[in-house]
Protein backbone atom coordinates (compact mmCIF):
# COMPACT_ATOMS: atom_id res chain seq x y z
CA MET A 1 -15.11 -5.55 3.84
CA VAL A 2 -13.77 -2.16 2.81
CA MET A 3 -10.16 -1.08 2.45
CA THR A 4 -9.27 1.72 4.88
CA LEU A 5 -9.09 5.29 3.67
CA GLU A 6 -5.40 5.34 4.60
CA ALA A 7 -4.67 2.38 2.30
CA ASP A 8 -6.69 3.99 -0.50
CA TYR A 9 -4.70 7.21 -0.10
CA ALA A 10 -1.40 5.29 -0.07
CA VAL A 11 -2.30 3.60 -3.36
CA ARG A 12 -3.19 6.98 -4.91
CA ILE A 13 0.11 8.47 -3.74
CA VAL A 14 2.20 5.62 -5.15
CA GLU A 15 0.23 5.70 -8.40
CA LEU A 16 1.01 9.40 -8.74
CA LEU A 17 4.71 8.88 -7.99
CA ALA A 18 4.84 5.92 -10.40
CA ALA A 19 3.62 8.18 -13.21
CA SER A 20 6.35 10.73 -12.53
CA SER A 21 10.06 10.48 -13.23
CA GLN A 22 10.96 13.33 -10.91
CA LYS A 23 10.63 14.36 -7.28
CA ILE A 24 7.25 15.67 -6.18
CA ASP A 25 6.79 17.80 -3.07
CA ALA A 26 4.26 16.84 -0.41
CA LYS A 27 1.88 19.71 -1.20
CA THR A 28 1.71 18.73 -4.87
CA ILE A 29 1.21 15.08 -3.92
CA SER A 30 -1.60 16.12 -1.59
CA ASP A 31 -3.29 18.26 -4.25
CA GLN A 32 -2.92 15.87 -7.17
CA ALA A 33 -3.80 12.68 -5.26
CA HIS A 34 -6.67 14.43 -3.44
CA VAL A 35 -5.29 13.48 -0.04
CA PRO A 36 -5.31 15.94 2.87
CA LEU A 37 -1.73 17.19 3.40
CA ARG A 38 -1.52 16.06 7.01
CA PHE A 39 -2.67 12.56 6.07
CA ALA A 40 -0.33 12.49 3.04
CA LEU A 41 2.66 13.31 5.25
CA LYS A 42 1.73 10.54 7.68
CA ILE A 43 1.44 8.01 4.84
CA LEU A 44 4.64 9.20 3.18
CA ARG A 45 6.54 8.72 6.47
CA LYS A 46 5.33 5.12 6.73
CA MET A 47 6.27 4.33 3.14
CA VAL A 48 9.69 5.97 3.52
CA ALA A 49 10.28 3.78 6.60
CA ASP A 50 9.32 0.70 4.54
CA ASN A 51 11.68 1.71 1.70
CA LEU A 52 8.91 2.15 -0.85
CA ILE A 53 9.52 5.87 -1.20
CA VAL A 54 12.64 8.03 -0.90
CA SER A 55 12.45 11.42 0.78
CA TYR A 56 14.68 14.32 -0.28
CA LYS A 57 15.08 17.21 2.14
CA GLY A 58 15.61 20.89 1.43
CA ALA A 59 14.23 23.59 -0.84
CA HIS A 60 14.26 21.29 -3.86
CA GLY A 61 13.21 18.23 -1.91
CA GLY A 62 10.32 15.93 -2.45
CA TYR A 63 9.46 12.29 -2.82
CA MET A 64 10.15 9.60 -5.40
CA LEU A 65 9.62 5.88 -5.57
CA ALA A 66 12.51 3.93 -4.09
CA ARG A 67 12.24 1.31 -6.84
CA GLU A 68 10.86 1.05 -10.34
CA PRO A 69 7.03 0.89 -10.45
CA GLY A 70 7.29 -2.66 -11.78
CA LYS A 71 8.99 -3.72 -8.57
CA ILE A 72 6.41 -2.27 -6.17
CA THR A 73 3.28 -4.33 -5.57
CA LEU A 74 -0.17 -3.31 -4.49
CA ARG A 75 0.24 -5.61 -1.49
CA GLU A 76 3.42 -3.83 -0.33
CA VAL A 77 1.72 -0.44 -0.43
CA ILE A 78 -1.42 -1.55 1.39
CA GLU A 79 0.50 -3.49 4.03
CA SER A 80 2.89 -0.57 4.52
CA VAL A 81 0.08 1.46 6.04
CA GLU A 82 -2.19 -1.29 7.39
CA GLY A 83 0.14 -4.09 8.38
CA PRO A 84 -0.22 -7.67 7.15
CA TYR A 85 -3.50 -8.34 5.38
CA MET A 86 -5.81 -10.69 7.22
CA ILE A 87 -9.54 -11.18 7.03
CA SER A 88 -10.08 -11.77 10.76
CA ARG A 89 -8.43 -10.70 13.97
CA CYS A 90 -8.27 -14.36 15.02
CA GLN A 91 -5.34 -14.68 12.62
CA GLN A 92 -3.24 -12.39 14.79
CA ASP A 93 -0.72 -14.13 17.01
CA GLU A 94 -1.76 -12.18 20.08
CA TYR A 95 -5.47 -12.98 19.66
CA ALA A 96 -6.93 -16.03 21.38
CA CYS A 97 -10.25 -17.39 20.15
CA THR A 98 -12.77 -17.19 22.96
CA HIS A 99 -15.37 -19.45 21.43
CA THR A 100 -14.62 -23.04 20.46
CA THR A 101 -16.61 -22.65 17.23
CA SER A 102 -14.60 -19.64 16.04
CA CYS A 103 -11.39 -21.71 15.97
CA ARG A 104 -12.89 -23.85 13.21
CA PHE A 105 -12.82 -20.78 10.99
CA HIS A 106 -9.17 -19.91 11.58
CA GLN A 107 -7.90 -22.15 8.75
CA ILE A 108 -10.60 -20.89 6.37
CA TYR A 109 -9.72 -17.28 7.14
CA ASP A 110 -6.03 -18.06 6.56
CA GLU A 111 -6.82 -19.57 3.15
CA ILE A 112 -8.92 -16.57 2.10
CA SER A 113 -6.29 -14.11 3.35
CA ASN A 114 -3.57 -15.96 1.44
CA VAL A 115 -5.59 -15.78 -1.77
CA VAL A 116 -6.08 -12.03 -1.34
CA ARG A 117 -2.40 -11.45 -0.47
CA THR A 118 -1.31 -13.45 -3.53
CA LYS A 119 -3.64 -11.50 -5.81
CA LEU A 120 -2.48 -8.14 -4.40
CA GLU A 121 1.12 -9.27 -4.86
CA SER A 122 0.43 -9.98 -8.55
CA TYR A 123 -0.22 -6.31 -9.36
CA THR A 124 2.66 -3.89 -9.75
CA PHE A 125 2.36 -0.19 -10.37
CA ASP A 126 3.61 -0.44 -13.93
CA SER A 127 0.94 -3.05 -14.69
CA LEU A 128 -1.66 -0.77 -13.12
CA SER A 129 -0.61 2.19 -15.27
CA GLY A 130 -1.83 0.41 -18.40
CA GLU A 131 1.64 0.19 -19.92
CA ALA A 132 1.78 -3.57 -19.41
CA GLU A 133 -1.64 -3.93 -21.01
CA LYS A 134 -0.49 -2.09 -24.15
CA GLU A 135 2.42 -4.50 -24.55
CA LYS A 136 0.20 -7.64 -24.48
């Protein structure tokens, strides 16, 4: 399984913003995170809507994290652009298993998805910056 390009870009954008203490404009975010501008704007809109990032309008506008990096998890960022993490579509409420054998796997897929969600939740953007490692 591979994380989507959009989720990868979202992580890069938040990592960049976490390292900065000031607003960064979309063009600079795009250039420094190596994310196409159009894609960066789409991702930024989603994360603003989810209150992960704050948007400032105008000539001196830009983007900043809405919270401290230590209060933003890897899970929040990935799920902001992809929706809730799940290993199989059979975990979706609107999906109905069509084969009787596939229903046996539903509980297993839930367990695996929960492990991954918990692990993603354990990483914050300050711990990813290496600052938390220096303190240990």
